[in-house]
Amino acid sequence: MTTTVYQIIRRPLITEKGLGVKETQHTVVFEVAPSATKTQIKEAVQTLFKVKVDSVRTANFHGKFRRRGRAEGYRRDWKKAYVKLAAGEKMIEYAETA
């Protein structure tokens, strides 16, 4: 079964920490599929944005227990990927800051 790059990379994470890492460490942050491997993430970013990737770091997050009135349940589990671009590569622009 083949997966597309859009199934592997779900969305960019635009947070203060993510933008700080983007400026200082030449790294972009994405939410990715929990089953995606580092190699799949690297290939997906390279084909989608046409840049060279130096390294990939991942972090798994477990869904928190939440209640809303009498209803209760768990948020879904998700995975974050820190993708460091190779030296000399142009930074991916997925959000314009004003």
PDB file of N, CA and C in Angstrom:
ATOM      1  N   MET A   1       0.837  -1.174   0.000  1.00  0.00           N
ATOM      2  CA  MET A   1       0.000   0.000   0.000  1.00  0.00           C
ATOM      3  C   MET A   1       0.887   1.245   0.000  1.00  0.00           C
ATOM      4  N   THR A   2       0.691   2.118  -0.963  1.00  0.00           N
ATOM      5  CA  THR A   2       1.507   3.320  -1.048  1.00  0.00           C
ATOM      6  C   THR A   2       0.789   4.484  -0.381  1.00  0.00           C
ATOM      7  N   THR A   3       1.569   5.339   0.238  1.00  0.00           N
ATOM      8  CA  THR A   3       1.007   6.524   0.872  1.00  0.00           C
ATOM      9  C   THR A   3       1.511   7.751   0.134  1.00  0.00           C
ATOM     10  N   THR A   4       0.669   8.754   0.026  1.00  0.00           N
ATOM     11  CA  THR A   4       1.062   9.983  -0.644  1.00  0.00           C
ATOM     12  C   THR A   4       1.769  10.907   0.347  1.00  0.00           C
ATOM     13  N   VAL A   5       2.423  11.924  -0.174  1.00  0.00           N
ATOM     14  CA  VAL A   5       3.125  12.867   0.697  1.00  0.00           C
ATOM     15  C   VAL A   5       2.138  13.641   1.573  1.00  0.00           C
ATOM     16  N   TYR A   6       0.912  13.792   1.090  1.00  0.00           N
ATOM     17  CA  TYR A   6      -0.092  14.513   1.873  1.00  0.00           C
ATOM     18  C   TYR A   6      -0.663  13.665   3.002  1.00  0.00           C
ATOM     19  N   GLN A   7      -0.516  12.350   2.923  1.00  0.00           N
ATOM     20  CA  GLN A   7      -0.906  11.490   4.030  1.00  0.00           C
ATOM     21  C   GLN A   7       0.188  11.435   5.079  1.00  0.00           C
ATOM     22  N   ILE A   8       1.435  11.625   4.664  1.00  0.00           N
ATOM     23  CA  ILE A   8       2.552  11.613   5.602  1.00  0.00           C
ATOM     24  C   ILE A   8       2.665  12.955   6.316  1.00  0.00           C
ATOM     25  N   ILE A   9       2.694  14.046   5.567  1.00  0.00           N
ATOM     26  CA  ILE A   9       2.784  15.386   6.153  1.00  0.00           C
ATOM     27  C   ILE A   9       1.383  15.959   6.224  1.00  0.00           C
ATOM     28  N   ARG A  10       0.888  16.152   7.434  1.00  0.00           N
ATOM     29  CA  ARG A  10      -0.490  16.626   7.593  1.00  0.00           C
ATOM     30  C   ARG A  10      -0.604  18.133   7.526  1.00  0.00           C
ATOM     31  N   ARG A  11       0.260  18.842   8.280  1.00  0.00           N
ATOM     32  CA  ARG A  11       0.195  20.309   8.273  1.00  0.00           C
ATOM     33  C   ARG A  11       1.441  20.862   8.929  1.00  0.00           C
ATOM     34  N   PRO A  12       1.807  22.101   8.592  1.00  0.00           N
ATOM     35  CA  PRO A  12       2.909  22.735   9.316  1.00  0.00           C
ATOM     36  C   PRO A  12       2.409  23.221  10.680  1.00  0.00           C
ATOM     37  N   LEU A  13       3.272  23.187  11.674  1.00  0.00           N
ATOM     38  CA  LEU A  13       2.918  23.689  13.000  1.00  0.00           C
ATOM     39  C   LEU A  13       3.491  25.089  13.136  1.00  0.00           C
ATOM     40  N   ILE A  14       2.601  26.062  13.204  1.00  0.00           N
ATOM     41  CA  ILE A  14       3.009  27.455  13.287  1.00  0.00           C
ATOM     42  C   ILE A  14       2.783  27.924  14.718  1.00  0.00           C
ATOM     43  N   THR A  15       3.828  27.819  15.534  1.00  0.00           N
ATOM     44  CA  THR A  15       3.790  28.238  16.926  1.00  0.00           C
ATOM     45  C   THR A  15       5.005  29.122  17.190  1.00  0.00           C
ATOM     46  N   GLU A  16       5.050  29.735  18.362  1.00  0.00           N
ATOM     47  CA  GLU A  16       6.209  30.558  18.705  1.00  0.00           C
ATOM     48  C   GLU A  16       7.481  29.733  18.720  1.00  0.00           C
ATOM     49  N   LYS A  17       7.405  28.541  19.316  1.00  0.00           N
ATOM     50  CA  LYS A  17       8.574  27.676  19.362  1.00  0.00           C
ATOM     51  C   LYS A  17       8.991  27.236  17.956  1.00  0.00           C
ATOM     52  N   GLY A  18       8.013  26.898  17.133  1.00  0.00           N
ATOM     53  CA  GLY A  18       8.307  26.474  15.769  1.00  0.00           C
ATOM     54  C   GLY A  18       8.938  27.572  14.929  1.00  0.00           C
ATOM     55  N   LEU A  19       8.443  28.804  15.073  1.00  0.00           N
ATOM     56  CA  LEU A  19       9.024  29.920  14.325  1.00  0.00           C
ATOM     57  C   LEU A  19      10.407  30.276  14.845  1.00  0.00           C
ATOM     58  N   GLY A  20      10.634  30.125  16.158  1.00  0.00           N
ATOM     59  CA  GLY A  20      11.962  30.370  16.722  1.00  0.00           C
ATOM     60  C   GLY A  20      12.985  29.373  16.211  1.00  0.00           C
ATOM     61  N   VAL A  21      12.595  28.109  16.153  1.00  0.00           N
ATOM     62  CA  VAL A  21      13.475  27.063  15.632  1.00  0.00           C
ATOM     63  C   VAL A  21      13.730  27.281  14.148  1.00  0.00           C
ATOM     64  N   LYS A  22      12.736  27.777  13.446  1.00  0.00           N
ATOM     65  CA  LYS A  22      12.864  28.028  12.013  1.00  0.00           C
ATOM     66  C   LYS A  22      13.932  29.087  11.751  1.00  0.00           C
ATOM     67  N   GLU A  23      13.942  30.137  12.558  1.00  0.00           N
ATOM     68  CA  GLU A  23      14.894  31.232  12.362  1.00  0.00           C
ATOM     69  C   GLU A  23      16.295  30.884  12.844  1.00  0.00           C
ATOM     70  N   THR A  24      16.406  30.216  13.984  1.00  0.00           N
ATOM     71  CA  THR A  24      17.726  30.002  14.575  1.00  0.00           C
ATOM     72  C   THR A  24      18.421  28.735  14.085  1.00  0.00           C
ATOM     73  N   GLN A  25      17.671  27.653  13.862  1.00  0.00           N
ATOM     74  CA  GLN A  25      18.293  26.369  13.551  1.00  0.00           C
ATOM     75  C   GLN A  25      18.039  25.880  12.131  1.00  0.00           C
ATOM     76  N   HIS A  26      17.405  26.715  11.281  1.00  0.00           N
ATOM     77  CA  HIS A  26      17.130  26.339   9.885  1.00  0.00           C
ATOM     78  C   HIS A  26      16.300  25.054   9.836  1.00  0.00           C
ATOM     79  N   THR A  27      15.287  24.990  10.715  1.00  0.00           N
ATOM     80  CA  THR A  27      14.466  23.794  10.887  1.00  0.00           C
ATOM     81  C   THR A  27      12.991  24.168  10.780  1.00  0.00           C
ATOM     82  N   VAL A  28      12.203  23.315  10.121  1.00  0.00           N
ATOM     83  CA  VAL A  28      10.758  23.528  10.038  1.00  0.00           C
ATOM     84  C   VAL A  28      10.055  22.404  10.794  1.00  0.00           C
ATOM     85  N   VAL A  29       8.843  22.687  11.278  1.00  0.00           N
ATOM     86  CA  VAL A  29       8.118  21.752  12.135  1.00  0.00           C
ATOM     87  C   VAL A  29       6.799  21.381  11.463  1.00  0.00           C
ATOM     88  N   PHE A  30       6.507  20.081  11.409  1.00  0.00           N
ATOM     89  CA  PHE A  30       5.284  19.581  10.793  1.00  0.00           C
ATOM     90  C   PHE A  30       4.584  18.600  11.719  1.00  0.00           C
ATOM     91  N   GLU A  31       3.254  18.538  11.595  1.00  0.00           N
ATOM     92  CA  GLU A  31       2.518  17.412  12.176  1.00  0.00           C
ATOM     93  C   GLU A  31       2.483  16.343  11.106  1.00  0.00           C
ATOM     94  N   VAL A  32       2.865  15.132  11.479  1.00  0.00           N
ATOM     95  CA  VAL A  32       2.944  14.038  10.513  1.00  0.00           C
ATOM     96  C   VAL A  32       2.097  12.866  10.985  1.00  0.00           C
ATOM     97  N   ALA A  33       1.915  11.904  10.107  1.00  0.00           N
ATOM     98  CA  ALA A  33       1.154  10.704  10.449  1.00  0.00           C
ATOM     99  C   ALA A  33       1.897   9.929  11.533  1.00  0.00           C
ATOM    100  N   PRO A  34       1.192   9.412  12.538  1.00  0.00           N
ATOM    101  CA  PRO A  34       1.866   8.687  13.623  1.00  0.00           C
ATOM    102  C   PRO A  34       2.649   7.458  13.165  1.00  0.00           C
ATOM    103  N   SER A  35       2.279   6.881  12.042  1.00  0.00           N
ATOM    104  CA  SER A  35       2.982   5.694  11.560  1.00  0.00           C
ATOM    105  C   SER A  35       4.139   6.027  10.613  1.00  0.00           C
ATOM    106  N   ALA A  36       4.360   7.300  10.320  1.00  0.00           N
ATOM    107  CA  ALA A  36       5.401   7.701   9.373  1.00  0.00           C
ATOM    108  C   ALA A  36       6.786   7.533   9.992  1.00  0.00           C
ATOM    109  N   THR A  37       7.723   7.043   9.189  1.00  0.00           N
ATOM    110  CA  THR A  37       9.105   6.895   9.637  1.00  0.00           C
ATOM    111  C   THR A  37       9.902   8.141   9.252  1.00  0.00           C
ATOM    112  N   LYS A  38      11.095   8.268   9.807  1.00  0.00           N
ATOM    113  CA  LYS A  38      11.937   9.420   9.498  1.00  0.00           C
ATOM    114  C   LYS A  38      12.310   9.451   8.024  1.00  0.00           C
ATOM    115  N   THR A  39      12.552   8.295   7.441  1.00  0.00           N
ATOM    116  CA  THR A  39      12.905   8.226   6.022  1.00  0.00           C
ATOM    117  C   THR A  39      11.729   8.668   5.150  1.00  0.00           C
ATOM    118  N   GLN A  40      10.523   8.235   5.479  1.00  0.00           N
ATOM    119  CA  GLN A  40       9.345   8.650   4.726  1.00  0.00           C
ATOM    120  C   GLN A  40       9.124  10.153   4.834  1.00  0.00           C
ATOM    121  N   ILE A  41       9.319  10.710   6.034  1.00  0.00           N
ATOM    122  CA  ILE A  41       9.145  12.146   6.244  1.00  0.00           C
ATOM    123  C   ILE A  41      10.165  12.918   5.418  1.00  0.00           C
ATOM    124  N   LYS A  42      11.416  12.464   5.431  1.00  0.00           N
ATOM    125  CA  LYS A  42      12.480  13.129   4.671  1.00  0.00           C
ATOM    126  C   LYS A  42      12.157  13.137   3.186  1.00  0.00           C
ATOM    127  N   GLU A  43      11.752  11.989   2.627  1.00  0.00           N
ATOM    128  CA  GLU A  43      11.430  11.907   1.214  1.00  0.00           C
ATOM    129  C   GLU A  43      10.209  12.756   0.857  1.00  0.00           C
ATOM    130  N   ALA A  44       9.216  12.800   1.745  1.00  0.00           N
ATOM    131  CA  ALA A  44       8.008  13.580   1.489  1.00  0.00           C
ATOM    132  C   ALA A  44       8.321  15.075   1.445  1.00  0.00           C
ATOM    133  N   VAL A  45       9.130  15.564   2.373  1.00  0.00           N
ATOM    134  CA  VAL A  45       9.483  16.984   2.391  1.00  0.00           C
ATOM    135  C   VAL A  45      10.313  17.337   1.159  1.00  0.00           C
ATOM    136  N   GLN A  46      11.238  16.459   0.783  1.00  0.00           N
ATOM    137  CA  GLN A  46      12.077  16.721  -0.386  1.00  0.00           C
ATOM    138  C   GLN A  46      11.256  16.769  -1.670  1.00  0.00           C
ATOM    139  N   THR A  47      10.265  15.899  -1.831  1.00  0.00           N
ATOM    140  CA  THR A  47       9.458  15.915  -3.046  1.00  0.00           C
ATOM    141  C   THR A  47       8.425  17.035  -3.034  1.00  0.00           C
ATOM    142  N   LEU A  48       7.863  17.325  -1.880  1.00  0.00           N
ATOM    143  CA  LEU A  48       6.803  18.330  -1.802  1.00  0.00           C
ATOM    144  C   LEU A  48       7.339  19.752  -1.936  1.00  0.00           C
ATOM    145  N   PHE A  49       8.456  20.056  -1.262  1.00  0.00           N
ATOM    146  CA  PHE A  49       8.982  21.416  -1.254  1.00  0.00           C
ATOM    147  C   PHE A  49      10.227  21.595  -2.115  1.00  0.00           C
ATOM    148  N   LYS A  50      10.751  20.519  -2.691  1.00  0.00           N
ATOM    149  CA  LYS A  50      11.921  20.545  -3.565  1.00  0.00           C
ATOM    150  C   LYS A  50      13.134  21.181  -2.884  1.00  0.00           C
ATOM    151  N   VAL A  51      13.452  20.672  -1.701  1.00  0.00           N
ATOM    152  CA  VAL A  51      14.624  21.099  -0.938  1.00  0.00           C
ATOM    153  C   VAL A  51      15.379  19.854  -0.473  1.00  0.00           C
ATOM    154  N   LYS A  52      16.630  20.037  -0.063  1.00  0.00           N
ATOM    155  CA  LYS A  52      17.421  18.943   0.488  1.00  0.00           C
ATOM    156  C   LYS A  52      17.263  18.958   2.008  1.00  0.00           C
ATOM    157  N   VAL A  53      17.042  17.784   2.588  1.00  0.00           N
ATOM    158  CA  VAL A  53      16.854  17.652   4.030  1.00  0.00           C
ATOM    159  C   VAL A  53      18.121  17.075   4.643  1.00  0.00           C
ATOM    160  N   ASP A  54      18.585  17.704   5.730  1.00  0.00           N
ATOM    161  CA  ASP A  54      19.780  17.236   6.426  1.00  0.00           C
ATOM    162  C   ASP A  54      19.425  16.143   7.432  1.00  0.00           C
ATOM    163  N   SER A  55      18.443  16.412   8.309  1.00  0.00           N
ATOM    164  CA  SER A  55      18.069  15.428   9.324  1.00  0.00           C
ATOM    165  C   SER A  55      16.614  15.613   9.730  1.00  0.00           C
ATOM    166  N   VAL A  56      16.077  14.572  10.372  1.00  0.00           N
ATOM    167  CA  VAL A  56      14.693  14.587  10.851  1.00  0.00           C
ATOM    168  C   VAL A  56      14.677  14.085  12.289  1.00  0.00           C
ATOM    169  N   ARG A  57      14.018  14.834  13.172  1.00  0.00           N
ATOM    170  CA  ARG A  57      13.789  14.398  14.550  1.00  0.00           C
ATOM    171  C   ARG A  57      12.287  14.312  14.750  1.00  0.00           C
ATOM    172  N   THR A  58      11.832  13.324  15.499  1.00  0.00           N
ATOM    173  CA  THR A  58      10.404  13.153  15.711  1.00  0.00           C
ATOM    174  C   THR A  58      10.078  13.092  17.196  1.00  0.00           C
ATOM    175  N   ALA A  59       8.839  13.437  17.520  1.00  0.00           N
ATOM    176  CA  ALA A  59       8.345  13.346  18.892  1.00  0.00           C
ATOM    177  C   ALA A  59       6.904  12.863  18.846  1.00  0.00           C
ATOM    178  N   ASN A  60       6.597  11.844  19.651  1.00  0.00           N
ATOM    179  CA  ASN A  60       5.242  11.309  19.742  1.00  0.00           C
ATOM    180  C   ASN A  60       4.515  11.946  20.925  1.00  0.00           C
ATOM    181  N   PHE A  61       3.247  12.300  20.715  1.00  0.00           N
ATOM    182  CA  PHE A  61       2.426  12.887  21.769  1.00  0.00           C
ATOM    183  C   PHE A  61       1.191  12.027  21.954  1.00  0.00           C
ATOM    184  N   HIS A  62       0.918  11.648  23.190  1.00  0.00           N
ATOM    185  CA  HIS A  62      -0.240  10.831  23.502  1.00  0.00           C
ATOM    186  C   HIS A  62      -1.432  11.723  23.789  1.00  0.00           C
ATOM    187  N   GLY A  63      -2.611  11.298  23.346  1.00  0.00           N
ATOM    188  CA  GLY A  63      -3.821  12.086  23.521  1.00  0.00           C
ATOM    189  C   GLY A  63      -4.173  12.275  24.987  1.00  0.00           C
ATOM    190  N   LYS A  64      -4.543  13.496  25.318  1.00  0.00           N
ATOM    191  CA  LYS A  64      -4.896  13.808  26.700  1.00  0.00           C
ATOM    192  C   LYS A  64      -6.361  13.452  26.971  1.00  0.00           C
ATOM    193  N   PHE A  65      -6.644  13.139  28.225  1.00  0.00           N
ATOM    194  CA  PHE A  65      -8.017  12.902  28.659  1.00  0.00           C
ATOM    195  C   PHE A  65      -8.701  14.245  28.833  1.00  0.00           C
ATOM    196  N   ARG A  66      -9.873  14.422  28.209  1.00  0.00           N
ATOM    197  CA  ARG A  66     -10.608  15.684  28.290  1.00  0.00           C
ATOM    198  C   ARG A  66     -12.071  15.421  28.596  1.00  0.00           C
ATOM    199  N   ARG A  67     -12.680  16.357  29.347  1.00  0.00           N
ATOM    200  CA  ARG A  67     -14.110  16.288  29.655  1.00  0.00           C
ATOM    201  C   ARG A  67     -14.770  17.574  29.219  1.00  0.00           C
ATOM    202  N   ARG A  68     -15.996  17.462  28.745  1.00  0.00           N
ATOM    203  CA  ARG A  68     -16.815  18.627  28.416  1.00  0.00           C
ATOM    204  C   ARG A  68     -18.207  18.314  28.951  1.00  0.00           C
ATOM    205  N   GLY A  69     -18.495  18.823  30.146  1.00  0.00           N
ATOM    206  CA  GLY A  69     -19.744  18.464  30.798  1.00  0.00           C
ATOM    207  C   GLY A  69     -19.708  17.006  31.220  1.00  0.00           C
ATOM    208  N   ARG A  70     -20.717  16.253  30.806  1.00  0.00           N
ATOM    209  CA  ARG A  70     -20.739  14.821  31.125  1.00  0.00           C
ATOM    210  C   ARG A  70     -19.968  13.995  30.104  1.00  0.00           C
ATOM    211  N   ALA A  71     -19.727  14.573  28.939  1.00  0.00           N
ATOM    212  CA  ALA A  71     -19.019  13.835  27.884  1.00  0.00           C
ATOM    213  C   ALA A  71     -17.529  13.803  28.211  1.00  0.00           C
ATOM    214  N   GLU A  72     -16.915  12.663  28.020  1.00  0.00           N
ATOM    215  CA  GLU A  72     -15.488  12.550  28.282  1.00  0.00           C
ATOM    216  C   GLU A  72     -14.855  11.656  27.232  1.00  0.00           C
ATOM    217  N   GLY A  73     -13.582  11.856  27.027  1.00  0.00           N
ATOM    218  CA  GLY A  73     -12.871  11.042  26.044  1.00  0.00           C
ATOM    219  C   GLY A  73     -11.421  11.477  25.956  1.00  0.00           C
ATOM    220  N   TYR A  74     -10.744  10.964  24.966  1.00  0.00           N
ATOM    221  CA  TYR A  74      -9.331  11.253  24.764  1.00  0.00           C
ATOM    222  C   TYR A  74      -9.128  11.981  23.441  1.00  0.00           C
ATOM    223  N   ARG A  75      -8.196  12.920  23.437  1.00  0.00           N
ATOM    224  CA  ARG A  75      -7.762  13.503  22.183  1.00  0.00           C
ATOM    225  C   ARG A  75      -6.964  12.446  21.436  1.00  0.00           C
ATOM    226  N   ARG A  76      -6.789  12.655  20.161  1.00  0.00           N
ATOM    227  CA  ARG A  76      -6.066  11.652  19.381  1.00  0.00           C
ATOM    228  C   ARG A  76      -4.561  11.759  19.620  1.00  0.00           C
ATOM    229  N   ASP A  77      -3.849  10.662  19.426  1.00  0.00           N
ATOM    230  CA  ASP A  77      -2.389  10.663  19.484  1.00  0.00           C
ATOM    231  C   ASP A  77      -1.867  11.309  18.205  1.00  0.00           C
ATOM    232  N   TRP A  78      -0.724  12.014  18.310  1.00  0.00           N
ATOM    233  CA  TRP A  78      -0.165  12.635  17.125  1.00  0.00           C
ATOM    234  C   TRP A  78       1.356  12.677  17.198  1.00  0.00           C
ATOM    235  N   LYS A  79       1.970  13.019  16.088  1.00  0.00           N
ATOM    236  CA  LYS A  79       3.420  12.989  15.973  1.00  0.00           C
ATOM    237  C   LYS A  79       3.913  14.290  15.349  1.00  0.00           C
ATOM    238  N   LYS A  80       5.005  14.806  15.889  1.00  0.00           N
ATOM    239  CA  LYS A  80       5.606  16.044  15.411  1.00  0.00           C
ATOM    240  C   LYS A  80       6.972  15.714  14.818  1.00  0.00           C
ATOM    241  N   ALA A  81       7.312  16.387  13.707  1.00  0.00           N
ATOM    242  CA  ALA A  81       8.610  16.165  13.065  1.00  0.00           C
ATOM    243  C   ALA A  81       9.341  17.494  12.927  1.00  0.00           C
ATOM    244  N   TYR A  82      10.590  17.519  13.393  1.00  0.00           N
ATOM    245  CA  TYR A  82      11.478  18.658  13.203  1.00  0.00           C
ATOM    246  C   TYR A  82      12.380  18.318  12.024  1.00  0.00           C
ATOM    247  N   VAL A  83      12.260  19.058  10.930  1.00  0.00           N
ATOM    248  CA  VAL A  83      12.995  18.761   9.702  1.00  0.00           C
ATOM    249  C   VAL A  83      14.052  19.841   9.504  1.00  0.00           C
ATOM    250  N   LYS A  84      15.329  19.450   9.622  1.00  0.00           N
ATOM    251  CA  LYS A  84      16.429  20.393   9.428  1.00  0.00           C
ATOM    252  C   LYS A  84      16.847  20.359   7.968  1.00  0.00           C
ATOM    253  N   LEU A  85      16.867  21.537   7.343  1.00  0.00           N
ATOM    254  CA  LEU A  85      17.243  21.637   5.943  1.00  0.00           C
ATOM    255  C   LEU A  85      18.757  21.673   5.801  1.00  0.00           C
ATOM    256  N   ALA A  86      19.245  21.230   4.660  1.00  0.00           N
ATOM    257  CA  ALA A  86      20.679  21.217   4.400  1.00  0.00           C
ATOM    258  C   ALA A  86      21.204  22.642   4.292  1.00  0.00           C
ATOM    259  N   ALA A  87      22.493  22.812   4.520  1.00  0.00           N
ATOM    260  CA  ALA A  87      23.113  24.137   4.442  1.00  0.00           C
ATOM    261  C   ALA A  87      22.986  24.682   3.026  1.00  0.00           C
ATOM    262  N   GLY A  88      22.638  25.954   2.922  1.00  0.00           N
ATOM    263  CA  GLY A  88      22.503  26.597   1.619  1.00  0.00           C
ATOM    264  C   GLY A  88      21.122  26.477   1.002  1.00  0.00           C
ATOM    265  N   GLU A  89      20.228  25.711   1.602  1.00  0.00           N
ATOM    266  CA  GLU A  89      18.874  25.563   1.076  1.00  0.00           C
ATOM    267  C   GLU A  89      18.017  26.764   1.465  1.00  0.00           C
ATOM    268  N   LYS A  90      17.115  27.146   0.561  1.00  0.00           N
ATOM    269  CA  LYS A  90      16.194  28.240   0.828  1.00  0.00           C
ATOM    270  C   LYS A  90      15.128  27.753   1.812  1.00  0.00           C
ATOM    271  N   MET A  91      14.806  28.569   2.799  1.00  0.00           N
ATOM    272  CA  MET A  91      13.835  28.205   3.831  1.00  0.00           C
ATOM    273  C   MET A  91      12.439  28.084   3.233  1.00  0.00           C
ATOM    274  N   ILE A  92      11.702  27.084   3.685  1.00  0.00           N
ATOM    275  CA  ILE A  92      10.319  26.870   3.251  1.00  0.00           C
ATOM    276  C   ILE A  92       9.460  27.970   3.843  1.00  0.00           C
ATOM    277  N   GLU A  93       8.673  28.626   2.984  1.00  0.00           N
ATOM    278  CA  GLU A  93       7.782  29.687   3.447  1.00  0.00           C
ATOM    279  C   GLU A  93       6.349  29.171   3.382  1.00  0.00           C
ATOM    280  N   TYR A  94       5.805  28.784   4.519  1.00  0.00           N
ATOM    281  CA  TYR A  94       4.433  28.331   4.559  1.00  0.00           C
ATOM    282  C   TYR A  94       3.540  29.316   5.288  1.00  0.00           C
ATOM    283  N   ALA A  95       4.126  30.337   5.894  1.00  0.00           N
ATOM    284  CA  ALA A  95       3.325  31.367   6.567  1.00  0.00           C
ATOM    285  C   ALA A  95       4.067  32.686   6.483  1.00  0.00           C
ATOM    286  N   GLU A  96       3.378  33.685   6.043  1.00  0.00           N
ATOM    287  CA  GLU A  96       3.963  35.017   5.988  1.00  0.00           C
ATOM    288  C   GLU A  96       3.659  35.742   7.291  1.00  0.00           C
ATOM    289  N   THR A  97       4.692  36.281   7.918  1.00  0.00           N
ATOM    290  CA  THR A  97       4.496  37.029   9.150  1.00  0.00           C
ATOM    291  C   THR A  97       4.450  38.503   8.828  1.00  0.00           C
ATOM    292  N   ALA A  98       3.540  39.215   9.446  1.00  0.00           N
ATOM    293  CA  ALA A  98       3.379  40.641   9.165  1.00  0.00           C
ATOM    294  C   ALA A  98       4.173  41.484  10.146  1.00  0.00           C
TER     295      ALA A  98
END
